[in-house]
PDB file of all heavy atoms in Angstrom:
ATOM      1  N   ALA A   1      14.160   1.735  -2.156  1.00  0.00           N
ATOM      2  CA  ALA A   1      15.370   2.486  -2.039  1.00  0.00           C
ATOM      3  C   ALA A   1      16.448   2.073  -3.110  1.00  0.00           C
ATOM      4  O   ALA A   1      17.135   2.933  -3.667  1.00  0.00           O
ATOM      5  CB  ALA A   1      16.058   2.250  -0.627  1.00  0.00           C
ATOM      6  N   GLN A   2      16.481   0.724  -3.444  1.00  0.00           N
ATOM      7  CA  GLN A   2      17.480   0.314  -4.392  1.00  0.00           C
ATOM      8  C   GLN A   2      17.047   0.751  -5.823  1.00  0.00           C
ATOM      9  O   GLN A   2      17.866   0.700  -6.626  1.00  0.00           O
ATOM     10  CB  GLN A   2      17.570  -1.246  -4.315  1.00  0.00           C
ATOM     11  CG  GLN A   2      18.269  -1.684  -3.088  1.00  0.00           C
ATOM     12  CD  GLN A   2      18.818  -3.076  -3.170  1.00  0.00           C
ATOM     13  OE1 GLN A   2      18.745  -3.719  -4.290  1.00  0.00           O
ATOM     14  NE2 GLN A   2      19.264  -3.619  -2.114  1.00  0.00           N
ATOM     15  N   ALA A   3      15.856   1.152  -6.009  1.00  0.00           N
ATOM     16  CA  ALA A   3      15.363   1.691  -7.311  1.00  0.00           C
ATOM     17  C   ALA A   3      15.352   3.156  -7.396  1.00  0.00           C
ATOM     18  O   ALA A   3      14.822   3.766  -8.237  1.00  0.00           O
ATOM     19  CB  ALA A   3      13.934   1.178  -7.585  1.00  0.00           C
ATOM     20  N   ASP A   4      16.035   3.755  -6.308  1.00  0.00           N
ATOM     21  CA  ASP A   4      16.224   5.214  -6.240  1.00  0.00           C
ATOM     22  C   ASP A   4      14.882   5.914  -6.053  1.00  0.00           C
ATOM     23  O   ASP A   4      14.777   7.034  -6.469  1.00  0.00           O
ATOM     24  CB  ASP A   4      16.956   5.701  -7.416  1.00  0.00           C
ATOM     25  CG  ASP A   4      18.439   5.308  -7.608  1.00  0.00           C
ATOM     26  OD1 ASP A   4      18.980   5.092  -6.477  1.00  0.00           O
ATOM     27  OD2 ASP A   4      18.866   5.041  -8.740  1.00  0.00           O
ATOM     28  N   LEU A   5      13.883   5.215  -5.398  1.00  0.00           N
ATOM     29  CA  LEU A   5      12.659   5.785  -5.024  1.00  0.00           C
ATOM     30  C   LEU A   5      12.732   6.082  -3.549  1.00  0.00           C
ATOM     31  O   LEU A   5      13.147   5.242  -2.794  1.00  0.00           O
ATOM     32  CB  LEU A   5      11.562   4.938  -5.486  1.00  0.00           C
ATOM     33  CG  LEU A   5      11.386   4.687  -7.053  1.00  0.00           C
ATOM     34  CD1 LEU A   5      10.315   3.609  -7.260  1.00  0.00           C
ATOM     35  CD2 LEU A   5      11.099   5.983  -7.757  1.00  0.00           C
ATOM     36  N   ASP A   6      11.951   7.049  -3.162  1.00  0.00           N
ATOM     37  CA  ASP A   6      11.877   7.393  -1.698  1.00  0.00           C
ATOM     38  C   ASP A   6      11.090   6.361  -0.978  1.00  0.00           C
ATOM     39  O   ASP A   6       9.906   6.105  -1.269  1.00  0.00           O
ATOM     40  CB  ASP A   6      11.204   8.783  -1.603  1.00  0.00           C
ATOM     41  CG  ASP A   6      11.228   9.237  -0.040  1.00  0.00           C
ATOM     42  OD1 ASP A   6      11.674   8.534   0.737  1.00  0.00           O
ATOM     43  OD2 ASP A   6      10.807  10.344   0.081  1.00  0.00           O
ATOM     44  N   PRO A   7      11.645   5.627   0.045  1.00  0.00           N
ATOM     45  CA  PRO A   7      10.883   4.589   0.767  1.00  0.00           C
ATOM     46  C   PRO A   7       9.695   5.178   1.431  1.00  0.00           C
ATOM     47  O   PRO A   7       8.781   4.383   1.741  1.00  0.00           O
ATOM     48  CB  PRO A   7      11.942   4.210   1.787  1.00  0.00           C
ATOM     49  CG  PRO A   7      13.272   4.454   1.152  1.00  0.00           C
ATOM     50  CD  PRO A   7      13.061   5.753   0.402  1.00  0.00           C
ATOM     51  N   ALA A   8       9.601   6.531   1.589  1.00  0.00           N
ATOM     52  CA  ALA A   8       8.343   7.151   2.170  1.00  0.00           C
ATOM     53  C   ALA A   8       7.151   6.859   1.271  1.00  0.00           C
ATOM     54  O   ALA A   8       6.075   7.053   1.783  1.00  0.00           O
ATOM     55  CB  ALA A   8       8.649   8.662   2.510  1.00  0.00           C
ATOM     56  N   ILE A   9       7.384   6.493   0.048  1.00  0.00           N
ATOM     57  CA  ILE A   9       6.275   6.263  -0.806  1.00  0.00           C
ATOM     58  C   ILE A   9       5.441   5.154  -0.238  1.00  0.00           C
ATOM     59  O   ILE A   9       4.160   5.245  -0.379  1.00  0.00           O
ATOM     60  CB  ILE A   9       6.756   5.839  -2.283  1.00  0.00           C
ATOM     61  CG1 ILE A   9       7.388   7.055  -2.900  1.00  0.00           C
ATOM     62  CG2 ILE A   9       5.680   5.418  -3.192  1.00  0.00           C
ATOM     63  CD1 ILE A   9       8.032   6.784  -4.271  1.00  0.00           C
ATOM     64  N   TYR A  10       6.062   4.145   0.411  1.00  0.00           N
ATOM     65  CA  TYR A  10       5.267   3.112   0.998  1.00  0.00           C
ATOM     66  C   TYR A  10       4.386   3.600   2.029  1.00  0.00           C
ATOM     67  O   TYR A  10       3.206   3.168   2.003  1.00  0.00           O
ATOM     68  CB  TYR A  10       6.217   2.034   1.470  1.00  0.00           C
ATOM     69  CG  TYR A  10       5.512   0.925   2.235  1.00  0.00           C
ATOM     70  CD1 TYR A  10       4.941  -0.130   1.565  1.00  0.00           C
ATOM     71  CD2 TYR A  10       5.391   0.964   3.657  1.00  0.00           C
ATOM     72  CE1 TYR A  10       4.233  -1.087   2.240  1.00  0.00           C
ATOM     73  CE2 TYR A  10       4.761  -0.062   4.306  1.00  0.00           C
ATOM     74  CZ  TYR A  10       4.238  -1.082   3.561  1.00  0.00           C
ATOM     75  OH  TYR A  10       3.541  -2.083   4.245  1.00  0.00           O
ATOM     76  N   ASP A  11       4.818   4.510   2.902  1.00  0.00           N
ATOM     77  CA  ASP A  11       4.042   4.985   3.928  1.00  0.00           C
ATOM     78  C   ASP A  11       2.790   5.800   3.364  1.00  0.00           C
ATOM     79  O   ASP A  11       1.714   5.742   3.926  1.00  0.00           O
ATOM     80  CB  ASP A  11       4.877   5.906   4.845  1.00  0.00           C
ATOM     81  CG  ASP A  11       5.971   5.118   5.604  1.00  0.00           C
ATOM     82  OD1 ASP A  11       5.659   3.926   5.991  1.00  0.00           O
ATOM     83  OD2 ASP A  11       7.053   5.619   5.791  1.00  0.00           O
ATOM     84  N   THR A  12       3.030   6.553   2.340  1.00  0.00           N
ATOM     85  CA  THR A  12       2.040   7.325   1.710  1.00  0.00           C
ATOM     86  C   THR A  12       0.984   6.452   1.092  1.00  0.00           C
ATOM     87  O   THR A  12      -0.223   6.668   1.255  1.00  0.00           O
ATOM     88  CB  THR A  12       2.557   8.194   0.447  1.00  0.00           C
ATOM     89  OG1 THR A  12       3.599   9.050   1.089  1.00  0.00           O
ATOM     90  CG2 THR A  12       1.474   8.948  -0.107  1.00  0.00           C
ATOM     91  N   ILE A  13       1.356   5.307   0.385  1.00  0.00           N
ATOM     92  CA  ILE A  13       0.358   4.344  -0.105  1.00  0.00           C
ATOM     93  C   ILE A  13      -0.341   3.700   1.002  1.00  0.00           C
ATOM     94  O   ILE A  13      -1.600   3.559   0.877  1.00  0.00           O
ATOM     95  CB  ILE A  13       1.240   3.284  -0.977  1.00  0.00           C
ATOM     96  CG1 ILE A  13       1.892   4.044  -2.128  1.00  0.00           C
ATOM     97  CG2 ILE A  13       0.247   2.236  -1.434  1.00  0.00           C
ATOM     98  CD1 ILE A  13       2.650   3.129  -3.018  1.00  0.00           C
ATOM     99  N   ARG A  14       0.312   3.277   1.904  1.00  0.00           N
ATOM    100  CA  ARG A  14      -0.320   2.536   3.147  1.00  0.00           C
ATOM    101  C   ARG A  14      -1.293   3.400   3.875  1.00  0.00           C
ATOM    102  O   ARG A  14      -2.425   2.979   4.246  1.00  0.00           O
ATOM    103  CB  ARG A  14       0.675   2.053   4.146  1.00  0.00           C
ATOM    104  CG  ARG A  14       0.048   1.225   5.218  1.00  0.00           C
ATOM    105  CD  ARG A  14       1.152   0.713   6.218  1.00  0.00           C
ATOM    106  NE  ARG A  14       1.860   1.813   6.813  1.00  0.00           N
ATOM    107  CZ  ARG A  14       2.757   1.663   7.779  1.00  0.00           C
ATOM    108  NH1 ARG A  14       3.194   0.504   8.111  1.00  0.00           N
ATOM    109  NH2 ARG A  14       3.362   2.763   8.288  1.00  0.00           N
ATOM    110  N   SER A  15      -0.998   4.724   4.012  1.00  0.00           N
ATOM    111  CA  SER A  15      -1.911   5.582   4.785  1.00  0.00           C
ATOM    112  C   SER A  15      -3.098   5.975   4.034  1.00  0.00           C
ATOM    113  O   SER A  15      -4.166   6.345   4.476  1.00  0.00           O
ATOM    114  CB  SER A  15      -1.125   6.833   5.198  1.00  0.00           C
ATOM    115  OG  SER A  15      -0.708   7.569   4.130  1.00  0.00           O
ATOM    116  N   SER A  16      -2.993   5.988   2.624  1.00  0.00           N
ATOM    117  CA  SER A  16      -4.127   6.409   1.821  1.00  0.00           C
ATOM    118  C   SER A  16      -4.879   5.202   1.284  1.00  0.00           C
ATOM    119  O   SER A  16      -6.053   5.494   0.836  1.00  0.00           O
ATOM    120  CB  SER A  16      -3.545   7.218   0.488  1.00  0.00           C
ATOM    121  OG  SER A  16      -2.715   6.377  -0.210  1.00  0.00           O
ATOM    122  N   ALA A  17      -4.380   4.041   1.427  1.00  0.00           N
ATOM    123  CA  ALA A  17      -5.145   2.836   0.920  1.00  0.00           C
ATOM    124  C   ALA A  17      -6.128   2.353   1.924  1.00  0.00           C
ATOM    125  O   ALA A  17      -6.063   2.483   3.062  1.00  0.00           O
ATOM    126  CB  ALA A  17      -4.138   1.719   0.587  1.00  0.00           C
ATOM    127  N   PRO A  18      -7.275   1.831   1.495  1.00  0.00           N
ATOM    128  CA  PRO A  18      -8.224   1.161   2.286  1.00  0.00           C
ATOM    129  C   PRO A  18      -7.557   0.027   3.178  1.00  0.00           C
ATOM    130  O   PRO A  18      -6.605  -0.540   2.704  1.00  0.00           O
ATOM    131  CB  PRO A  18      -9.277   0.520   1.317  1.00  0.00           C
ATOM    132  CG  PRO A  18      -9.088   1.276   0.155  1.00  0.00           C
ATOM    133  CD  PRO A  18      -7.694   1.656   0.044  1.00  0.00           C
ATOM    134  N   THR A  19      -7.944  -0.074   4.345  1.00  0.00           N
ATOM    135  CA  THR A  19      -7.287  -1.049   5.366  1.00  0.00           C
ATOM    136  C   THR A  19      -7.766  -2.448   5.161  1.00  0.00           C
ATOM    137  O   THR A  19      -7.131  -3.267   5.752  1.00  0.00           O
ATOM    138  CB  THR A  19      -7.417  -0.517   6.747  1.00  0.00           C
ATOM    139  OG1 THR A  19      -8.861  -0.436   7.035  1.00  0.00           O
ATOM    140  CG2 THR A  19      -6.834   0.869   6.971  1.00  0.00           C
ATOM    141  N   LYS A  20      -8.901  -2.692   4.641  1.00  0.00           N
ATOM    142  CA  LYS A  20      -9.501  -4.045   4.591  1.00  0.00           C
ATOM    143  C   LYS A  20      -9.823  -4.497   3.173  1.00  0.00           C
ATOM    144  O   LYS A  20     -10.435  -3.784   2.344  1.00  0.00           O
ATOM    145  CB  LYS A  20     -10.733  -4.026   5.397  1.00  0.00           C
ATOM    146  CG  LYS A  20     -11.350  -5.421   5.578  1.00  0.00           C
ATOM    147  CD  LYS A  20     -10.443  -6.337   6.356  1.00  0.00           C
ATOM    148  CE  LYS A  20     -11.119  -7.709   6.505  1.00  0.00           C
ATOM    149  NZ  LYS A  20     -10.180  -8.616   7.308  1.00  0.00           N
ATOM    150  N   THR A  21      -9.296  -5.597   2.796  1.00  0.00           N
ATOM    151  CA  THR A  21      -9.615  -6.281   1.569  1.00  0.00           C
ATOM    152  C   THR A  21     -10.480  -7.522   1.895  1.00  0.00           C
ATOM    153  O   THR A  21     -10.127  -8.321   2.748  1.00  0.00           O
ATOM    154  CB  THR A  21      -8.441  -6.786   0.836  1.00  0.00           C
ATOM    155  OG1 THR A  21      -7.621  -5.590   0.544  1.00  0.00           O
ATOM    156  CG2 THR A  21      -8.776  -7.435  -0.484  1.00  0.00           C
ATOM    157  N   ILE A  22     -11.623  -7.606   1.197  1.00  0.00           N
ATOM    158  CA  ILE A  22     -12.633  -8.695   1.612  1.00  0.00           C
ATOM    159  C   ILE A  22     -12.746  -9.616   0.278  1.00  0.00           C
ATOM    160  O   ILE A  22     -13.040  -9.081  -0.831  1.00  0.00           O
ATOM    161  CB  ILE A  22     -13.931  -8.105   1.942  1.00  0.00           C
ATOM    162  CG1 ILE A  22     -13.784  -7.307   3.217  1.00  0.00           C
ATOM    163  CG2 ILE A  22     -14.983  -9.338   2.191  1.00  0.00           C
ATOM    164  CD1 ILE A  22     -15.140  -6.629   3.640  1.00  0.00           C
ATOM    165  N   VAL A  23     -12.533 -10.914   0.468  1.00  0.00           N
ATOM    166  CA  VAL A  23     -12.715 -11.834  -0.587  1.00  0.00           C
ATOM    167  C   VAL A  23     -13.930 -12.696  -0.245  1.00  0.00           C
ATOM    168  O   VAL A  23     -13.957 -13.289   0.750  1.00  0.00           O
ATOM    169  CB  VAL A  23     -11.532 -12.762  -0.777  1.00  0.00           C
ATOM    170  CG1 VAL A  23     -11.570 -13.674  -1.945  1.00  0.00           C
ATOM    171  CG2 VAL A  23     -10.291 -11.777  -1.038  1.00  0.00           C
ATOM    172  N   THR A  24     -14.855 -12.720  -1.181  1.00  0.00           N
ATOM    173  CA  THR A  24     -16.074 -13.515  -0.901  1.00  0.00           C
ATOM    174  C   THR A  24     -16.327 -14.388  -2.129  1.00  0.00           C
ATOM    175  O   THR A  24     -15.843 -14.259  -3.226  1.00  0.00           O
ATOM    176  CB  THR A  24     -17.268 -12.626  -0.789  1.00  0.00           C
ATOM    177  OG1 THR A  24     -17.567 -11.795  -1.939  1.00  0.00           O
ATOM    178  CG2 THR A  24     -17.054 -11.787   0.482  1.00  0.00           C
ATOM    179  N   ALA A  25     -17.167 -15.542  -1.974  1.00  0.00           N
ATOM    180  CA  ALA A  25     -17.487 -16.405  -2.957  1.00  0.00           C
ATOM    181  C   ALA A  25     -19.053 -16.784  -2.665  1.00  0.00           C
ATOM    182  O   ALA A  25     -19.416 -17.014  -1.570  1.00  0.00           O
ATOM    183  CB  ALA A  25     -16.661 -17.635  -3.060  1.00  0.00           C
ATOM    184  N   HIS A  26     -19.822 -16.905  -3.798  1.00  0.00           N
ATOM    185  CA  HIS A  26     -21.144 -17.352  -3.612  1.00  0.00           C
ATOM    186  C   HIS A  26     -21.587 -17.945  -4.984  1.00  0.00           C
ATOM    187  O   HIS A  26     -21.028 -17.725  -6.079  1.00  0.00           O
ATOM    188  CB  HIS A  26     -22.145 -16.247  -3.141  1.00  0.00           C
ATOM    189  CG  HIS A  26     -22.169 -15.038  -4.048  1.00  0.00           C
ATOM    190  ND1 HIS A  26     -21.317 -13.920  -3.934  1.00  0.00           N
ATOM    191  CD2 HIS A  26     -22.913 -14.705  -5.175  1.00  0.00           C
ATOM    192  CE1 HIS A  26     -21.569 -13.022  -4.889  1.00  0.00           C
ATOM    193  NE2 HIS A  26     -22.584 -13.590  -5.670  1.00  0.00           N
TER     194      HIS A  26
END
């Protein structure tokens, strides 16, 4: 909002992004 961007952008990114990030090591 302070950068004059629509805060709804966050909801769009969150709804379209994968919900799970997996970090592995081997």
